[in-house]
Protein backbone atom coordinates (compact mmCIF):
# COMPACT_ATOMS: atom_id res chain seq x y z
CA UNK A 1 16.95 -7.73 4.35
CA UNK A 2 14.43 -8.51 1.65
CA UNK A 3 14.02 -11.97 0.12
CA UNK A 4 11.94 -13.49 -2.65
CA UNK A 5 10.42 -16.85 -1.93
CA UNK A 6 9.32 -19.26 -4.68
CA UNK A 7 6.89 -21.86 -3.64
CA UNK A 8 4.00 -23.45 -5.88
CA UNK A 9 5.18 -21.58 -9.06
CA UNK A 10 4.95 -18.27 -7.80
CA UNK A 11 7.08 -15.39 -5.96
CA UNK A 12 6.58 -13.70 -2.72
CA UNK A 13 8.76 -10.81 -1.30
CA UNK A 14 9.64 -10.85 2.44
CA UNK A 15 11.48 -8.99 4.82
CA UNK A 16 13.90 -10.84 6.67
CA UNK A 17 13.15 -8.68 9.97
CA UNK A 18 9.49 -10.14 10.15
CA UNK A 19 10.90 -13.51 8.90
CA UNK A 20 12.95 -13.55 12.01
CA UNK A 21 9.78 -13.24 14.25
CA UNK A 22 8.71 -17.03 14.82
CA UNK A 23 4.77 -16.51 15.47
CA UNK A 24 4.60 -14.31 12.31
CA UNK A 25 3.46 -15.00 8.63
CA UNK A 26 3.74 -12.11 6.10
CA UNK A 27 4.33 -11.59 2.47
CA UNK A 28 4.09 -9.01 -0.38
CA UNK A 29 2.88 -11.07 -3.74
CA UNK A 30 4.88 -10.48 -7.04
CA UNK A 31 3.43 -10.81 -10.41
CA UNK A 32 4.73 -13.78 -12.12
CA UNK A 33 2.98 -17.12 -12.17
CA UNK A 34 -0.29 -17.80 -11.00
CA UNK A 35 -3.84 -18.91 -12.46
CA UNK A 36 -4.35 -15.57 -14.62
CA UNK A 37 -3.41 -14.65 -17.86
CA UNK A 38 -2.82 -10.88 -18.87
CA UNK A 39 -1.32 -9.84 -22.05
CA UNK A 40 -0.46 -13.47 -23.08
CA UNK A 41 1.31 -14.02 -19.59
CA UNK A 42 0.58 -15.99 -16.58
CA UNK A 43 0.18 -13.40 -13.79
CA UNK A 44 -0.47 -13.78 -9.73
CA UNK A 45 -3.73 -11.64 -9.85
CA UNK A 46 -5.27 -11.55 -6.27
CA UNK A 47 -8.03 -9.01 -6.80
CA UNK A 48 -11.06 -8.76 -8.74
CA UNK A 49 -10.76 -7.20 -11.95
CA UNK A 50 -12.87 -7.14 -15.48
CA UNK A 51 -10.37 -9.03 -17.15
CA UNK A 52 -9.90 -11.93 -14.85
CA UNK A 53 -12.43 -14.55 -13.52
CA UNK A 54 -13.77 -15.09 -10.03
CA UNK A 55 -12.27 -18.77 -9.84
CA UNK A 56 -8.79 -17.61 -11.23
CA UNK A 57 -8.53 -15.15 -8.11
CA UNK A 58 -9.74 -17.80 -5.86
CA UNK A 59 -7.25 -20.06 -6.92
CA UNK A 60 -4.54 -17.89 -6.75
CA UNK A 61 -5.48 -16.87 -3.34
CA UNK A 62 -5.42 -20.58 -2.31
CA UNK A 63 -1.96 -20.87 -3.97
CA UNK A 64 -0.89 -17.82 -1.77
CA UNK A 65 -2.02 -19.63 1.49
CA UNK A 66 -0.05 -22.74 0.45
CA UNK A 67 3.00 -20.94 -0.65
CA UNK A 68 3.36 -19.40 2.73
CA UNK A 69 2.64 -22.53 4.47
CA UNK A 70 -0.72 -21.19 5.71
CA UNK A 71 -3.37 -23.20 4.26
CA UNK A 72 -5.42 -23.33 7.66
CA UNK A 73 -5.42 -19.75 8.27
CA UNK A 74 -8.37 -17.88 6.83
CA UNK A 75 -7.81 -14.77 4.49
CA UNK A 76 -9.37 -11.22 5.67
CA UNK A 77 -9.67 -8.83 2.74
CA UNK A 78 -11.76 -5.83 2.74
CA UNK A 79 -13.49 -3.52 0.15
CA UNK A 80 -11.11 -0.69 0.00
CA UNK A 81 -12.18 2.98 -0.67
CA UNK A 82 -9.50 5.38 -0.04
CA UNK A 83 -10.60 5.98 3.79
CA UNK A 84 -8.72 5.80 7.11
CA UNK A 85 -11.60 3.17 8.19
CA UNK A 86 -9.37 0.67 10.29
CA UNK A 87 -11.33 -2.50 11.42
CA UNK A 88 -10.54 -5.06 14.38
CA UNK A 89 -11.05 -8.53 13.57
CA UNK A 90 -11.50 -11.53 15.90
CA UNK A 91 -12.79 -13.70 13.17
CA UNK A 92 -13.39 -13.64 9.50
CA UNK A 93 -16.33 -12.23 8.32
CA UNK A 94 -18.96 -13.68 6.56
CA UNK A 95 -18.95 -11.12 3.65
CA UNK A 96 -16.11 -8.74 2.86
CA UNK A 97 -16.96 -5.49 4.79
CA UNK A 98 -15.47 -1.75 3.78
CA UNK A 99 -12.07 -0.87 5.13
CA UNK A 100 -8.41 0.30 4.15
CA UNK A 101 -6.84 -0.94 7.43
CA UNK A 102 -7.33 -4.34 9.64
CA UNK A 103 -5.81 -5.40 12.91
CA UNK A 104 -6.05 -8.57 14.76
CA UNK A 105 -4.25 -10.72 17.40
CA UNK A 106 -6.24 -13.54 16.67
CA UNK A 107 -4.33 -16.75 15.49
CA UNK A 108 -5.36 -18.09 12.47
CA UNK A 109 -6.11 -14.71 10.33
CA UNK A 110 -4.31 -13.64 7.50
CA UNK A 111 -5.05 -9.81 7.04
CA UNK A 112 -4.82 -8.66 3.42
CA UNK A 113 -4.71 -5.53 1.43
CA UNK A 114 -4.52 -5.14 -2.43
CA UNK A 115 -2.50 -2.35 -4.37
CA UNK A 116 -1.20 -1.85 -7.78
CA UNK A 117 0.66 1.46 -6.84
CA UNK A 118 -0.39 2.43 -3.29
CA UNK A 119 1.69 1.33 -0.27
CA UNK A 120 0.67 -1.65 1.77
CA UNK A 121 1.88 -1.27 5.17
CA UNK A 122 2.43 -4.08 7.56
CA UNK A 123 2.60 -3.75 11.52
CA UNK A 124 3.55 -5.99 14.00
CA UNK A 125 3.47 -5.37 17.78
CA UNK A 126 6.19 -7.87 19.07
CA UNK A 127 5.16 -7.54 22.44
CA UNK A 128 1.44 -7.97 22.57
CA UNK A 129 1.39 -10.24 19.47
CA UNK A 130 -0.83 -8.01 17.59
CA UNK A 131 -0.55 -7.29 13.62
CA UNK A 132 -2.15 -4.77 11.27
CA UNK A 133 -2.57 -4.43 7.29
CA UNK A 134 -2.91 -0.91 5.81
CA UNK A 135 -3.76 0.02 2.06
CA UNK A 136 -2.16 3.74 1.82
CA UNK A 137 -2.85 5.48 -1.16
CA UNK A 138 -2.61 9.23 -1.47
CA UNK A 139 -6.25 9.99 -0.27
CA UNK A 140 -5.68 7.52 2.74
CA UNK A 141 -2.34 8.88 3.43
CA UNK A 142 -4.01 12.48 3.31
CA UNK A 143 -6.25 11.08 5.90
CA UNK A 144 -3.50 9.69 8.04
CA UNK A 145 -4.77 6.09 7.57
CA UNK A 146 -1.31 4.72 8.81
CA UNK A 147 -1.21 6.90 11.88
CA UNK A 148 -4.86 6.21 12.96
CA UNK A 149 -4.43 2.34 12.34
CA UNK A 150 -1.51 2.54 15.12
CA UNK A 151 -3.57 4.60 17.05
CA UNK A 152 -6.56 1.84 16.69
CA UNK A 153 -3.80 -0.75 17.98
CA UNK A 154 -3.12 1.17 20.77
CA UNK A 155 -6.58 1.63 22.04
CA UNK A 156 -7.48 -1.91 21.39
CA UNK A 157 -4.43 -4.01 22.35
CA UNK A 158 -2.63 -1.34 24.41
CA UNK A 159 0.06 -1.38 21.58
CA UNK A 160 3.11 0.65 22.42
CA UNK A 161 4.67 2.06 19.18
CA UNK A 162 8.24 1.71 20.44
CA UNK A 163 7.37 -2.31 20.01
CA UNK A 164 6.30 -2.06 16.70
CA UNK A 165 8.01 -3.27 13.30
CA UNK A 166 6.51 -1.76 10.43
CA UNK A 167 7.20 -2.77 6.63
CA UNK A 168 6.30 -1.05 3.89
CA UNK A 169 5.98 -3.08 0.69
CA UNK A 170 6.57 -2.13 -3.14
CA UNK A 171 4.58 0.91 -4.07
CA UNK A 172 4.80 3.77 -6.91
CA UNK A 173 7.88 5.47 -6.24
CA UNK A 174 8.55 9.14 -6.14
CA UNK A 175 10.56 8.62 -9.43
CA UNK A 176 7.35 7.87 -11.31
CA UNK A 177 4.37 9.71 -9.19
CA UNK A 178 3.54 12.39 -10.64
CA UNK A 179 0.74 14.86 -9.16
CA UNK A 180 -0.88 17.92 -9.83
CA UNK A 181 -1.56 21.02 -7.80
CA UNK A 182 -4.78 19.57 -5.80
CA UNK A 183 -2.61 16.70 -4.40
CA UNK A 184 0.10 19.20 -3.45
CA UNK A 185 -2.20 21.79 -1.98
CA UNK A 186 -4.09 19.09 0.37
CA UNK A 187 -0.82 17.84 1.67
CA UNK A 188 0.43 21.20 2.51
CA UNK A 189 -2.67 22.12 4.14
CA UNK A 190 -2.43 19.23 6.53
CA UNK A 191 1.11 18.52 7.04
CA UNK A 192 3.86 21.08 8.19
CA UNK A 193 6.40 18.82 6.63
CA UNK A 194 4.94 18.26 3.27
CA UNK A 195 7.28 19.99 1.08
CA UNK A 196 9.96 17.38 1.72
CA UNK A 197 7.78 14.83 0.55
CA UNK A 198 7.77 16.54 -2.77
CA UNK A 199 10.29 17.00 -5.90
CA UNK A 200 9.52 19.67 -8.62
CA UNK A 201 8.23 23.35 -8.16
CA UNK A 202 6.11 22.60 -5.11
CA UNK A 203 5.97 26.19 -3.85
CA UNK A 204 4.38 27.58 -7.23
CA UNK A 205 1.96 24.79 -6.87
CA UNK A 206 0.78 25.29 -3.14
CA UNK A 207 0.98 29.35 -3.76
CA UNK A 208 -1.81 30.03 -6.01
CA UNK A 209 -3.16 28.05 -8.91
CA UNK A 210 -5.81 30.64 -9.78
CA UNK A 211 -5.68 30.52 -13.53
CA UNK A 212 -4.64 34.06 -15.36
CA UNK A 213 -7.83 36.10 -16.50
CA UNK A 214 -5.65 37.71 -19.08
CA UNK A 215 -4.30 34.73 -20.79
CA UNK A 216 -3.37 36.63 -24.18
CA UNK A 217 -0.59 38.42 -22.20
CA UNK A 218 1.30 35.12 -22.47
CA UNK A 219 1.43 35.18 -26.15
CA UNK A 220 -0.05 31.45 -26.40
CA UNK A 221 -2.83 31.35 -28.99
CA UNK A 222 -6.45 30.34 -27.34
CA UNK A 223 -6.66 26.78 -26.53
CA UNK A 224 -2.84 26.20 -26.38
CA UNK A 225 -2.01 27.18 -22.89
CA UNK A 226 1.14 25.31 -21.28
CA UNK A 227 0.13 22.47 -19.15
CA UNK A 228 -0.28 23.14 -15.33
CA UNK A 229 2.96 22.24 -13.59
CA UNK A 230 3.31 19.09 -11.46
CA UNK A 231 5.43 17.38 -8.85
CA UNK A 232 6.80 14.00 -7.86
CA UNK A 233 5.31 12.39 -4.53
CA UNK A 234 6.95 10.25 -2.04
CA UNK A 235 4.23 8.15 -0.92
CA UNK A 236 6.30 5.79 1.15
CA UNK A 237 7.97 8.59 2.70
CA UNK A 238 4.73 10.30 3.95
CA UNK A 239 3.61 7.14 5.46
CA UNK A 240 7.02 6.43 7.15
CA UNK A 241 6.64 10.13 8.55
CA UNK A 242 3.42 9.18 10.13
CA UNK A 243 4.80 6.17 11.70
CA UNK A 244 7.60 7.85 13.22
CA UNK A 245 5.58 11.06 14.12
CA UNK A 246 3.28 8.56 16.15
CA UNK A 247 6.37 7.08 18.02
CA UNK A 248 7.82 4.09 15.89
CA UNK A 249 11.60 4.28 15.90
CA UNK A 250 13.20 5.24 13.02
CA UNK A 251 15.27 1.69 13.16
CA UNK A 252 11.91 -0.31 13.29
CA UNK A 253 10.68 1.15 9.85
CA UNK A 254 11.90 -1.20 6.57
CA UNK A 255 10.94 0.20 3.02
CA UNK A 256 11.00 -2.15 -0.23
CA UNK A 257 13.01 -0.01 -2.83
CA UNK A 258 10.80 -1.56 -5.59
CA UNK A 259 8.72 0.97 -7.55
CA UNK A 260 5.52 -0.64 -9.03
CA UNK A 261 5.74 1.48 -12.32
CA UNK A 262 9.42 0.86 -12.93
CA UNK A 263 9.18 -2.90 -12.45
CA UNK A 264 6.05 -3.71 -14.50
CA UNK A 265 8.03 -6.94 -15.22
CA UNK A 266 7.66 -8.03 -11.59
CA UNK A 267 4.61 -6.14 -10.34
CA UNK A 268 1.30 -4.65 -11.23
CA UNK A 269 0.93 -0.49 -11.64
CA UNK A 270 -2.50 0.99 -12.27
CA UNK A 271 -0.98 4.12 -13.61
CA UNK A 272 1.76 2.66 -15.81
CA UNK A 273 -0.43 -0.03 -17.36
CA UNK A 274 -3.46 2.35 -18.00
CA UNK A 275 -5.90 0.58 -15.44
CA UNK A 276 -5.65 -2.72 -17.20
CA UNK A 277 -3.63 -4.45 -14.69
CA UNK A 278 -3.89 -7.12 -11.43
CA UNK A 279 -3.96 -6.63 -7.93
CA UNK A 280 -0.73 -7.40 -5.53
CA UNK A 281 -1.43 -8.63 -2.13
CA UNK A 282 0.34 -7.81 1.14
CA UNK A 283 -0.44 -10.02 3.94
CA UNK A 284 0.25 -10.07 7.49
CA UNK A 285 -1.00 -12.90 10.48
CA UNK A 286 -0.55 -15.01 13.55
CA UNK A 287 0.22 -18.43 13.02
CA UNK A 288 -1.92 -21.22 14.30
C-alpha cells in the first residue's frame, strides 16, 4: 500500500493507490538526506526556518522535483496560517499567497503543503482530473478545512465525492498528541462525534473547567495545585470523518500509520523537537 521512493539521495513516501493513477504525481517527503544540516545530520528540510538558509531550501525543493521526475512542473506553496482558506490555481502565482489548501486541474502544477505534526491531506478526483492539497492542524480541522476543500472542488470542477481518492500522510498520532480543555471543548461544540477522536477524561474536560474558588478545600498548598487534565487527540481520524461525512467512500480514504513525534528519525516534529525542526512537504499534481 505504501512504499518509499529513493532518488537523488532523498526519500519520498508514496501511496500505492495514487501511484496507479497514471496522470498523477504525488509524495510525502521524509527527513533523511537533502542539503540542510540539523543537529549534525543532513536533512531534507522543505520549509523556511530560522536555522536553515534560503539557498538550502531551494536546493531541496529542486531535488524534490527531480526525485519525482517532475523537473518541468511548477511548485505551488502557500503561506499557511491554520485557516480553512482553499484557493484554486490555474497557474503558479508570482508571490506566495496565504492559504491552507490548494486545488487545480491544470497540468504542470504541483500543489504543496508544509507540515511538522499537522496532517497533510491529498485529494484526487479520478473522473475530472482535479487535485487538492490540504494542511490540517487542529485549528484548520476545527474550521473543517478538509471538508471545505472538497466542497470547493465540487463547486469549481464539478467533483463528486464518490470519485475522490483521499490520502492522509504522516502527522502526529493520538499516541503523542496531548491537548487540553480548550481543544476538547472547541471540538465538542462543533462536532457531534468529537468524543470518538479523543482518549482520556474527555467528559470531564468538556463539562466544566471553571477553577474552584475554594482551592484550600483540596488540601494542596498554594501554588501547588494539580495540573489540569488533558486528553490525546486523533487528528487524522477527525479529518477522515470530514471526508466520509462529505461523501467520500470509506474505501477511498487511506491513512499513513507514521507518527511524526514517534518517528523523529525519519520525520520532523515541531512538538517533540520543541520547535527547532524542519518541514516535511506533501505534494500532488497533474503530469504534463
